[in-house]
Structures are given as structure tokens and as C-alpha cells.
All heavy atoms as atom14 arrays in JSON, in Angstrom:
{
  "sequence": "AQNEEGKSLKGILLSDSERSARQEIKSKNL",
  "atom14_mask": [
    [1, 1, 1, 1, 1, 0, 0, 0, 0, 0, 0, 0, 0, 0],
    [1, 1, 1, 1, 1, 1, 1, 1, 1, 0, 0, 0, 0, 0],
    [1, 1, 1, 1, 1, 1, 1, 1, 0, 0, 0, 0, 0, 0],
    [1, 1, 1, 1, 1, 1, 1, 1, 1, 0, 0, 0, 0, 0],
    [1, 1, 1, 1, 1, 1, 1, 1, 1, 0, 0, 0, 0, 0],
    [1, 1, 1, 1, 0, 0, 0, 0, 0, 0, 0, 0, 0, 0],
    [1, 1, 1, 1, 1, 1, 1, 1, 1, 0, 0, 0, 0, 0],
    [1, 1, 1, 1, 1, 1, 0, 0, 0, 0, 0, 0, 0, 0],
    [1, 1, 1, 1, 1, 1, 1, 1, 0, 0, 0, 0, 0, 0],
    [1, 1, 1, 1, 1, 1, 1, 1, 1, 0, 0, 0, 0, 0],
    [1, 1, 1, 1, 0, 0, 0, 0, 0, 0, 0, 0, 0, 0],
    [1, 1, 1, 1, 1, 1, 1, 1, 0, 0, 0, 0, 0, 0],
    [1, 1, 1, 1, 1, 1, 1, 1, 0, 0, 0, 0, 0, 0],
    [1, 1, 1, 1, 1, 1, 1, 1, 0, 0, 0, 0, 0, 0],
    [1, 1, 1, 1, 1, 1, 0, 0, 0, 0, 0, 0, 0, 0],
    [1, 1, 1, 1, 1, 1, 1, 1, 0, 0, 0, 0, 0, 0],
    [1, 1, 1, 1, 1, 1, 0, 0, 0, 0, 0, 0, 0, 0],
    [1, 1, 1, 1, 1, 1, 1, 1, 1, 0, 0, 0, 0, 0],
    [1, 1, 1, 1, 1, 1, 1, 1, 1, 1, 1, 0, 0, 0],
    [1, 1, 1, 1, 1, 1, 0, 0, 0, 0, 0, 0, 0, 0],
    [1, 1, 1, 1, 1, 0, 0, 0, 0, 0, 0, 0, 0, 0],
    [1, 1, 1, 1, 1, 1, 1, 1, 1, 1, 1, 0, 0, 0],
    [1, 1, 1, 1, 1, 1, 1, 1, 1, 0, 0, 0, 0, 0],
    [1, 1, 1, 1, 1, 1, 1, 1, 1, 0, 0, 0, 0, 0],
    [1, 1, 1, 1, 1, 1, 1, 1, 0, 0, 0, 0, 0, 0],
    [1, 1, 1, 1, 1, 1, 1, 1, 1, 0, 0, 0, 0, 0],
    [1, 1, 1, 1, 1, 1, 0, 0, 0, 0, 0, 0, 0, 0],
    [1, 1, 1, 1, 1, 1, 1, 1, 1, 0, 0, 0, 0, 0],
    [1, 1, 1, 1, 1, 1, 1, 1, 0, 0, 0, 0, 0, 0],
    [1, 1, 1, 1, 1, 1, 1, 1, 0, 0, 0, 0, 0, 0]
  ],
  "atom14_positions": [
    [[0.84, -1.19, -0.02], [-0.01, 0.01, 0.0], [0.87, 1.25, 0.01], [2.09, 1.17, 0.22], [-0.94, -0.01, 1.21], [0.0, 0.0, 0.0], [0.0, 0.0, 0.0], [0.0, 0.0, 0.0], [0.0, 0.0, 0.0], [0.0, 0.0, 0.0], [0.0, 0.0, 0.0], [0.0, 0.0, 0.0], [0.0, 0.0, 0.0], [0.0, 0.0, 0.0]],
    [[0.24, 2.36, -0.21], [0.95, 3.64, -0.29], [0.3, 4.6, 0.69], [-0.92, 4.73, 0.73], [0.89, 4.2, -1.7], [1.9, 5.28, -2.02], [1.84, 5.65, -3.5], [0.83, 6.18, -3.96], [2.9, 5.36, -4.22], [0.0, 0.0, 0.0], [0.0, 0.0, 0.0], [0.0, 0.0, 0.0], [0.0, 0.0, 0.0], [0.0, 0.0, 0.0]],
    [[1.13, 5.26, 1.52], [0.55, 6.21, 2.48], [0.36, 7.58, 1.85], [0.66, 7.76, 0.68], [1.41, 6.28, 3.77], [2.8, 6.84, 3.49], [3.1, 7.42, 2.46], [3.7, 6.61, 4.48], [0.0, 0.0, 0.0], [0.0, 0.0, 0.0], [0.0, 0.0, 0.0], [0.0, 0.0, 0.0], [0.0, 0.0, 0.0], [0.0, 0.0, 0.0]],
    [[-0.1, 8.56, 2.64], [-0.42, 9.87, 2.11], [0.82, 10.63, 1.61], [0.71, 11.52, 0.77], [-1.1, 10.7, 3.21], [-2.5, 10.16, 3.56], [-3.12, 10.89, 4.73], [-2.34, 11.53, 5.49], [-4.34, 10.86, 4.9], [0.0, 0.0, 0.0], [0.0, 0.0, 0.0], [0.0, 0.0, 0.0], [0.0, 0.0, 0.0], [0.0, 0.0, 0.0]],
    [[2.01, 10.19, 2.1], [3.24, 10.83, 1.65], [3.83, 10.17, 0.41], [4.9, 10.57, -0.08], [4.27, 10.79, 2.78], [3.81, 11.55, 4.02], [4.69, 11.28, 5.23], [5.6, 10.42, 5.12], [4.46, 11.92, 6.27], [0.0, 0.0, 0.0], [0.0, 0.0, 0.0], [0.0, 0.0, 0.0], [0.0, 0.0, 0.0], [0.0, 0.0, 0.0]],
    [[3.15, 9.14, -0.1], [3.6, 8.44, -1.3], [4.59, 7.32, -1.04], [5.12, 6.72, -1.97], [0.0, 0.0, 0.0], [0.0, 0.0, 0.0], [0.0, 0.0, 0.0], [0.0, 0.0, 0.0], [0.0, 0.0, 0.0], [0.0, 0.0, 0.0], [0.0, 0.0, 0.0], [0.0, 0.0, 0.0], [0.0, 0.0, 0.0], [0.0, 0.0, 0.0]],
    [[4.81, 6.98, 0.25], [5.78, 5.93, 0.61], [5.08, 4.57, 0.53], [3.97, 4.39, 1.01], [6.3, 6.17, 2.02], [7.36, 5.2, 2.43], [7.85, 5.51, 3.85], [8.88, 4.5, 4.32], [9.33, 4.76, 5.72], [0.0, 0.0, 0.0], [0.0, 0.0, 0.0], [0.0, 0.0, 0.0], [0.0, 0.0, 0.0], [0.0, 0.0, 0.0]],
    [[5.75, 3.59, -0.1], [5.2, 2.24, -0.21], [5.4, 1.47, 1.08], [6.49, 1.52, 1.69], [5.87, 1.48, -1.37], [5.48, 2.03, -2.58], [0.0, 0.0, 0.0], [0.0, 0.0, 0.0], [0.0, 0.0, 0.0], [0.0, 0.0, 0.0], [0.0, 0.0, 0.0], [0.0, 0.0, 0.0], [0.0, 0.0, 0.0], [0.0, 0.0, 0.0]],
    [[4.35, 0.79, 1.48], [4.39, -0.02, 2.72], [3.97, -1.44, 2.41], [3.05, -1.69, 1.62], [3.44, 0.57, 3.77], [3.64, 2.03, 4.19], [2.51, 2.48, 5.03], [4.95, 2.16, 4.96], [0.0, 0.0, 0.0], [0.0, 0.0, 0.0], [0.0, 0.0, 0.0], [0.0, 0.0, 0.0], [0.0, 0.0, 0.0], [0.0, 0.0, 0.0]],
    [[4.67, -2.4, 3.04], [4.33, -3.82, 2.91], [3.91, -4.34, 4.25], [4.4, -3.91, 5.29], [5.52, -4.63, 2.38], [5.94, -4.31, 0.94], [7.09, -5.19, 0.51], [7.5, -4.86, -0.92], [8.65, -5.72, -1.34], [0.0, 0.0, 0.0], [0.0, 0.0, 0.0], [0.0, 0.0, 0.0], [0.0, 0.0, 0.0], [0.0, 0.0, 0.0]],
    [[3.0, -5.3, 4.26], [2.56, -5.87, 5.55], [1.74, -7.13, 5.35], [1.38, -7.48, 4.24], [0.0, 0.0, 0.0], [0.0, 0.0, 0.0], [0.0, 0.0, 0.0], [0.0, 0.0, 0.0], [0.0, 0.0, 0.0], [0.0, 0.0, 0.0], [0.0, 0.0, 0.0], [0.0, 0.0, 0.0], [0.0, 0.0, 0.0], [0.0, 0.0, 0.0]],
    [[1.46, -7.75, 6.49], [0.61, -8.96, 6.51], [-0.52, -8.68, 7.48], [-0.29, -8.2, 8.61], [1.39, -10.21, 6.96], [2.45, -10.57, 5.9], [0.46, -11.41, 7.17], [3.33, -11.76, 6.27], [0.0, 0.0, 0.0], [0.0, 0.0, 0.0], [0.0, 0.0, 0.0], [0.0, 0.0, 0.0], [0.0, 0.0, 0.0], [0.0, 0.0, 0.0]],
    [[-1.74, -8.96, 7.05], [-2.93, -8.65, 7.82], [-3.73, -9.9, 8.04], [-3.97, -10.67, 7.09], [-3.77, -7.6, 7.07], [-4.97, -7.0, 7.77], [-4.53, -6.18, 8.97], [-5.73, -6.12, 6.8], [0.0, 0.0, 0.0], [0.0, 0.0, 0.0], [0.0, 0.0, 0.0], [0.0, 0.0, 0.0], [0.0, 0.0, 0.0], [0.0, 0.0, 0.0]],
    [[-4.15, -10.13, 9.27], [-5.03, -11.26, 9.62], [-6.46, -10.81, 9.5], [-6.88, -9.86, 10.19], [-4.72, -11.74, 11.04], [-5.32, -13.07, 11.52], [-4.73, -14.24, 10.74], [-5.06, -13.26, 13.01], [0.0, 0.0, 0.0], [0.0, 0.0, 0.0], [0.0, 0.0, 0.0], [0.0, 0.0, 0.0], [0.0, 0.0, 0.0], [0.0, 0.0, 0.0]],
    [[-7.26, -11.45, 8.63], [-8.64, -11.0, 8.41], [-9.52, -12.15, 7.95], [-9.03, -13.17, 7.47], [-8.66, -9.89, 7.35], [-9.92, -9.31, 7.27], [0.0, 0.0, 0.0], [0.0, 0.0, 0.0], [0.0, 0.0, 0.0], [0.0, 0.0, 0.0], [0.0, 0.0, 0.0], [0.0, 0.0, 0.0], [0.0, 0.0, 0.0], [0.0, 0.0, 0.0]],
    [[-10.85, -11.94, 8.13], [-11.83, -12.98, 7.75], [-11.86, -13.2, 6.25], [-12.0, -14.33, 5.8], [-13.24, -12.53, 8.2], [-13.6, -13.13, 9.53], [-12.87, -13.99, 10.01], [-14.62, -12.69, 10.13], [0.0, 0.0, 0.0], [0.0, 0.0, 0.0], [0.0, 0.0, 0.0], [0.0, 0.0, 0.0], [0.0, 0.0, 0.0], [0.0, 0.0, 0.0]],
    [[-11.76, -12.15, 5.48], [-11.86, -12.24, 4.03], [-11.07, -11.13, 3.37], [-10.64, -10.19, 4.04], [-13.33, -12.11, 3.62], [-13.84, -10.84, 3.99], [0.0, 0.0, 0.0], [0.0, 0.0, 0.0], [0.0, 0.0, 0.0], [0.0, 0.0, 0.0], [0.0, 0.0, 0.0], [0.0, 0.0, 0.0], [0.0, 0.0, 0.0], [0.0, 0.0, 0.0]],
    [[-10.9, -11.24, 2.04], [-10.16, -10.18, 1.32], [-10.9, -8.86, 1.4], [-10.28, -7.8, 1.53], [-9.97, -10.61, -0.15], [-9.12, -9.62, -0.93], [-8.85, -10.1, -2.35], [-8.63, -11.29, -2.56], [-8.86, -9.22, -3.25], [0.0, 0.0, 0.0], [0.0, 0.0, 0.0], [0.0, 0.0, 0.0], [0.0, 0.0, 0.0], [0.0, 0.0, 0.0]],
    [[-12.24, -8.92, 1.39], [-13.03, -7.69, 1.48], [-12.8, -6.98, 2.8], [-12.59, -5.78, 2.84], [-14.52, -8.04, 1.31], [-15.42, -6.83, 1.38], [-16.88, -7.23, 1.25], [-17.74, -6.07, 1.33], [-19.05, -6.11, 1.3], [-19.65, -7.27, 1.17], [-19.78, -5.03, 1.39], [0.0, 0.0, 0.0], [0.0, 0.0, 0.0], [0.0, 0.0, 0.0]],
    [[-12.78, -7.76, 3.88], [-12.53, -7.17, 5.22], [-11.12, -6.61, 5.3], [-10.9, -5.54, 5.89], [-12.71, -8.22, 6.3], [-14.05, -8.69, 6.33], [0.0, 0.0, 0.0], [0.0, 0.0, 0.0], [0.0, 0.0, 0.0], [0.0, 0.0, 0.0], [0.0, 0.0, 0.0], [0.0, 0.0, 0.0], [0.0, 0.0, 0.0], [0.0, 0.0, 0.0]],
    [[-10.16, -7.31, 4.68], [-8.78, -6.84, 4.68], [-8.66, -5.52, 3.92], [-7.98, -4.57, 4.36], [-7.87, -7.89, 4.05], [0.0, 0.0, 0.0], [0.0, 0.0, 0.0], [0.0, 0.0, 0.0], [0.0, 0.0, 0.0], [0.0, 0.0, 0.0], [0.0, 0.0, 0.0], [0.0, 0.0, 0.0], [0.0, 0.0, 0.0], [0.0, 0.0, 0.0]],
    [[-9.35, -5.44, 2.77], [-9.32, -4.21, 1.97], [-9.93, -3.03, 2.77], [-9.4, -1.91, 2.74], [-10.12, -4.41, 0.68], [-9.39, -5.24, -0.36], [-10.27, -5.49, -1.56], [-9.55, -6.26, -2.58], [-8.76, -5.75, -3.51], [-8.57, -4.44, -3.57], [-8.15, -6.53, -4.4], [0.0, 0.0, 0.0], [0.0, 0.0, 0.0], [0.0, 0.0, 0.0]],
    [[-11.05, -3.32, 3.49], [-11.7, -2.26, 4.28], [-10.77, -1.77, 5.4], [-10.68, -0.57, 5.68], [-13.0, -2.8, 4.88], [-14.12, -2.96, 3.88], [-15.4, -3.5, 4.52], [-15.34, -4.08, 5.59], [-16.49, -3.35, 3.84], [0.0, 0.0, 0.0], [0.0, 0.0, 0.0], [0.0, 0.0, 0.0], [0.0, 0.0, 0.0], [0.0, 0.0, 0.0]],
    [[-10.05, -2.71, 6.04], [-9.17, -2.34, 7.14], [-8.01, -1.5, 6.65], [-7.62, -0.52, 7.29], [-8.66, -3.61, 7.82], [-7.95, -3.34, 9.14], [-7.8, -4.54, 10.0], [-8.51, -5.51, 9.78], [-6.94, -4.52, 10.88], [0.0, 0.0, 0.0], [0.0, 0.0, 0.0], [0.0, 0.0, 0.0], [0.0, 0.0, 0.0], [0.0, 0.0, 0.0]],
    [[-7.46, -1.85, 5.48], [-6.33, -1.08, 4.91], [-6.84, 0.31, 4.53], [-6.16, 1.31, 4.78], [-5.76, -1.82, 3.68], [-5.06, -3.1, 4.15], [-4.77, -0.92, 2.93], [-4.77, -4.1, 3.04], [0.0, 0.0, 0.0], [0.0, 0.0, 0.0], [0.0, 0.0, 0.0], [0.0, 0.0, 0.0], [0.0, 0.0, 0.0], [0.0, 0.0, 0.0]],
    [[-8.04, 0.38, 3.95], [-8.62, 1.67, 3.56], [-8.86, 2.55, 4.77], [-8.67, 3.77, 4.72], [-9.93, 1.42, 2.79], [-10.53, 2.66, 2.13], [-11.75, 2.32, 1.31], [-12.33, 3.56, 0.67], [-13.54, 3.25, -0.15], [0.0, 0.0, 0.0], [0.0, 0.0, 0.0], [0.0, 0.0, 0.0], [0.0, 0.0, 0.0], [0.0, 0.0, 0.0]],
    [[-9.27, 1.93, 5.9], [-9.55, 2.69, 7.11], [-8.27, 3.33, 7.71], [-8.36, 4.24, 8.52], [-10.21, 1.82, 8.14], [-9.3, 0.85, 8.69], [0.0, 0.0, 0.0], [0.0, 0.0, 0.0], [0.0, 0.0, 0.0], [0.0, 0.0, 0.0], [0.0, 0.0, 0.0], [0.0, 0.0, 0.0], [0.0, 0.0, 0.0], [0.0, 0.0, 0.0]],
    [[-7.1, 2.83, 7.31], [-5.83, 3.38, 7.78], [-5.33, 4.51, 6.87], [-4.18, 4.92, 6.99], [-4.79, 2.27, 7.87], [-5.1, 1.21, 8.91], [-4.08, 0.09, 8.88], [-4.39, -0.99, 9.89], [-3.4, -2.11, 9.86], [0.0, 0.0, 0.0], [0.0, 0.0, 0.0], [0.0, 0.0, 0.0], [0.0, 0.0, 0.0], [0.0, 0.0, 0.0]],
    [[-6.2, 4.95, 5.96], [-5.84, 6.01, 5.0], [-4.68, 5.61, 4.11], [-3.78, 6.42, 3.8], [-5.52, 7.33, 5.74], [-6.72, 7.89, 6.46], [-7.86, 7.84, 5.93], [-6.5, 8.4, 7.65], [0.0, 0.0, 0.0], [0.0, 0.0, 0.0], [0.0, 0.0, 0.0], [0.0, 0.0, 0.0], [0.0, 0.0, 0.0], [0.0, 0.0, 0.0]],
    [[-4.68, 4.36, 3.71], [-3.66, 3.85, 2.81], [-4.27, 3.53, 1.45], [-5.43, 3.08, 1.37], [-3.0, 2.56, 3.37], [-2.26, 2.69, 4.69], [-1.8, 1.35, 5.19], [-1.07, 3.64, 4.56], [0.0, 0.0, 0.0], [0.0, 0.0, 0.0], [0.0, 0.0, 0.0], [0.0, 0.0, 0.0], [0.0, 0.0, 0.0], [0.0, 0.0, 0.0]]
  ]
}
């Protein structure tokens, strides 16, 4: 993902589904 400053970030997220994972990443303003 990319933050507001344009920096690329990598990570691993534990989630029920890909949709939930996408929502959680979006909620972090990424």
C-alpha cells in the first residue's frame, strides 16, 4: 500500500476475508 506521503508499505494482515482486509487497509488512509 501507499501512504499519504507516497511511501510504499508492505505488511501482513489477519482477516476474515479479502473484502474485510481491503476495508481495514482503507480505514488506515492507505
